Protein backbone atom coordinates (compact mmCIF):
# COMPACT_ATOMS: atom_id res chain seq x y z
CA MET A 1 7.02 2.15 -48.60
CA THR A 2 6.10 4.02 -51.77
CA ASP A 3 7.18 7.59 -51.26
CA ALA A 4 8.17 10.59 -53.34
CA THR A 5 11.10 11.33 -51.04
CA ALA A 6 14.20 9.30 -50.32
CA PRO A 7 14.19 7.39 -47.02
CA GLY A 8 15.39 9.59 -44.19
CA SER A 9 15.22 12.80 -46.24
CA ASP A 10 11.98 13.93 -44.60
CA PRO A 11 12.16 14.11 -40.81
CA ARG A 12 8.40 14.33 -40.28
CA PRO A 13 6.75 11.40 -38.49
CA THR A 14 4.90 8.95 -40.75
CA VAL A 15 1.20 8.27 -40.20
CA TYR A 16 -1.03 5.55 -41.62
CA VAL A 17 -4.51 7.08 -41.88
CA GLU A 18 -7.12 4.36 -41.30
CA THR A 19 -10.52 4.62 -42.98
CA SER A 20 -12.49 5.72 -39.93
CA VAL A 21 -10.49 8.96 -39.76
CA ILE A 22 -11.26 9.78 -43.37
CA SER A 23 -14.92 8.95 -42.77
CA TYR A 24 -15.13 11.33 -39.80
CA LEU A 25 -13.34 13.99 -41.84
CA VAL A 26 -15.91 14.11 -44.66
CA ALA A 27 -19.11 13.11 -42.82
CA ARG A 28 -21.92 15.56 -42.21
CA PRO A 29 -22.00 16.70 -38.56
CA SER A 30 -23.38 13.95 -36.35
CA ALA A 31 -26.26 14.41 -33.92
CA ASP A 32 -24.41 12.11 -31.51
CA LEU A 33 -22.26 14.23 -29.18
CA VAL A 34 -19.37 11.76 -29.00
CA ALA A 35 -19.25 11.29 -32.76
CA ARG A 36 -19.46 15.04 -33.26
CA ALA A 37 -16.50 15.52 -30.87
CA HIS A 38 -14.54 12.90 -32.85
CA GLN A 39 -15.36 14.75 -36.06
CA LYS A 40 -14.11 18.03 -34.59
CA ALA A 41 -10.92 16.41 -33.27
CA THR A 42 -10.36 14.87 -36.71
CA ARG A 43 -10.78 18.20 -38.47
CA ASP A 44 -8.50 19.91 -35.94
CA TRP A 45 -5.83 17.25 -36.52
CA TRP A 46 -6.31 17.46 -40.29
CA THR A 47 -5.41 21.18 -40.22
CA GLU A 48 -2.04 20.11 -38.79
CA ARG A 49 -1.45 17.30 -41.28
CA ALA A 50 1.52 19.06 -42.92
CA ARG A 51 3.52 18.15 -39.80
CA PHE A 52 3.32 14.48 -40.84
CA ARG A 53 3.84 12.31 -43.91
CA LEU A 54 0.44 10.72 -44.40
CA TYR A 55 -0.11 7.29 -45.91
CA ALA A 56 -2.97 4.99 -46.79
CA SER A 57 -3.19 1.58 -48.43
CA SER A 58 -5.38 -0.22 -50.93
CA PHE A 59 -7.36 -1.53 -47.93
CA VAL A 60 -8.28 2.03 -46.94
CA ALA A 61 -9.42 2.76 -50.49
CA ASP A 62 -11.47 -0.45 -50.64
CA GLU A 63 -13.32 0.44 -47.44
CA ALA A 64 -13.77 4.07 -48.51
CA LYS A 65 -15.60 2.98 -51.67
CA GLN A 66 -18.42 1.47 -49.62
CA GLY A 67 -21.63 3.23 -48.65
CA ASP A 68 -23.20 6.41 -49.96
CA SER A 69 -21.66 7.20 -53.35
CA ALA A 70 -21.36 10.96 -52.74
CA TYR A 71 -19.49 10.44 -49.46
CA ALA A 72 -17.46 7.61 -50.99
CA ALA A 73 -16.29 10.03 -53.67
CA GLN A 74 -15.28 12.55 -50.99
CA ARG A 75 -13.41 9.86 -49.04
CA LEU A 76 -11.58 8.74 -52.18
CA GLY A 77 -10.71 12.38 -52.89
CA VAL A 78 -9.01 12.60 -49.50
CA ILE A 79 -7.20 9.31 -50.07
CA ALA A 80 -5.90 10.64 -53.39
CA THR A 81 -3.95 13.28 -51.43
CA LEU A 82 -2.12 10.60 -49.39
CA LEU A 83 0.94 8.57 -50.26
CA VAL A 84 0.24 4.87 -50.85
CA LEU A 85 2.02 2.15 -48.92
CA ASP A 86 3.19 -1.06 -50.52
CA VAL A 87 1.45 -4.26 -49.46
CA PRO A 88 4.30 -6.78 -49.40
CA GLU A 89 3.63 -10.50 -48.95
CA ASP A 90 4.56 -10.35 -45.27
CA VAL A 91 1.45 -8.25 -44.58
CA ASP A 92 -0.71 -11.39 -44.85
CA ARG A 93 1.53 -13.29 -42.42
CA VAL A 94 1.39 -10.52 -39.82
CA ALA A 95 -2.37 -10.04 -40.25
CA GLN A 96 -2.96 -13.78 -39.82
CA ALA A 97 -0.80 -13.82 -36.69
CA LEU A 98 -2.86 -10.96 -35.24
CA LEU A 99 -6.06 -12.91 -35.88
CA LEU A 100 -4.82 -16.35 -34.85
CA ARG A 101 -3.12 -15.25 -31.64
CA GLY A 102 -6.20 -13.49 -30.32
CA SER A 103 -4.90 -9.94 -30.62
CA LEU A 104 -7.83 -9.11 -32.85
CA PRO A 105 -11.13 -10.96 -33.28
CA ARG A 106 -11.18 -13.34 -36.25
CA LYS A 107 -13.89 -11.25 -37.92
CA ALA A 108 -11.62 -8.15 -37.92
CA VAL A 109 -9.66 -9.15 -41.03
CA THR A 110 -9.44 -5.67 -42.54
CA ASP A 111 -8.44 -4.18 -39.19
CA ALA A 112 -5.63 -6.74 -38.98
CA LEU A 113 -4.54 -5.79 -42.50
CA HIS A 114 -4.40 -2.08 -41.58
CA VAL A 115 -2.24 -2.85 -38.54
CA ALA A 116 -0.01 -5.21 -40.54
CA VAL A 117 0.53 -2.77 -43.44
CA ALA A 118 1.56 -0.03 -41.04
CA ALA A 119 3.93 -2.34 -39.14
CA VAL A 120 5.55 -3.98 -42.18
CA ASN A 121 6.16 -0.56 -43.76
CA GLY A 122 7.68 0.89 -40.58
CA VAL A 123 5.15 3.67 -40.08
CA ASP A 124 5.47 5.68 -36.85
CA TYR A 125 1.73 6.08 -36.09
CA LEU A 126 -1.52 4.43 -37.11
CA VAL A 127 -4.31 6.95 -36.58
CA THR A 128 -7.84 5.60 -36.22
CA TRP A 129 -11.23 6.03 -34.58
CA ASN A 130 -11.68 2.26 -34.48
CA LEU A 131 -11.68 1.98 -30.70
CA ARG A 132 -13.23 -1.48 -30.74
CA HIS A 133 -10.31 -3.27 -32.37
CA ILE A 134 -7.36 -1.10 -33.33
CA ALA A 135 -6.97 1.68 -30.74
CA ASN A 136 -8.51 -0.37 -27.97
CA PRO A 137 -6.38 0.03 -24.83
CA ALA A 138 -7.14 -3.55 -23.77
CA LEU A 139 -5.86 -4.95 -27.09
CA ARG A 140 -2.91 -2.61 -27.79
CA ARG A 141 -0.36 -4.57 -25.76
CA ARG A 142 -1.31 -7.89 -27.41
CA ILE A 143 -1.23 -6.28 -30.87
CA GLU A 144 2.22 -4.85 -30.18
CA GLU A 145 3.49 -8.19 -28.86
CA VAL A 146 2.37 -10.10 -31.97
CA ARG A 147 3.95 -7.55 -34.31
CA ARG A 148 7.23 -7.68 -32.42
CA ASN A 149 7.14 -11.50 -32.50
CA CYS A 150 6.70 -11.21 -36.28
CA GLY A 151 9.83 -9.06 -36.45
CA TYR A 152 8.32 -5.58 -36.74
CA GLU A 153 8.41 -2.59 -34.45
CA PRO A 154 4.78 -1.60 -33.97
CA PRO A 155 3.51 1.84 -34.87
CA ILE A 156 1.80 3.77 -32.11
CA LEU A 157 -1.95 3.15 -32.34
CA CYS A 158 -3.84 6.34 -31.56
CA THR A 159 -6.75 8.61 -32.34
CA PRO A 160 -6.37 11.91 -34.18
CA GLU A 161 -6.96 13.65 -30.85
CA GLU A 162 -4.08 11.76 -29.22
CA LEU A 163 -1.78 12.44 -32.16
CA LEU A 164 -2.67 16.13 -32.10
CA GLU A 165 -1.56 16.25 -28.45
CA THR A 166 1.93 15.08 -29.47
CA ILE A 167 2.51 18.29 -31.42
CA ARG A 168 0.98 20.80 -29.02
């Protein structure tokens, strides 16, 4: 983990911020009621971010660069405020295990990399709005099992709304 503080010197929980959270944070208000609720929950959680040590990875930055250039610049601005996690070699091994053992669909390579980076770096939480692959209740147990079999304690996979509830 690349961090400005010595290990153990900061008692705040660590959080890997996946790209979907950053996207909801900077997006214009959605006309879709569910998406709009996710945006509000994200902004509410973001106001409490000082309670956590927030991290991203090069994979988050790569995804954030895609799409509309004005919003990409805003997403990258948010990412610049986060600490950056190392991507050790073992990340590829864990990501491949997640894909090969059916925890995540084979097409979800970047999702597997997000999960693997968080696990290999010992992050407490991975916060995401990716309910299809990452924070999917039907997949969580399998994802956790694969990470433990690879030798890593899995971070808690949750939405910003769920993480906000842990501090209220």
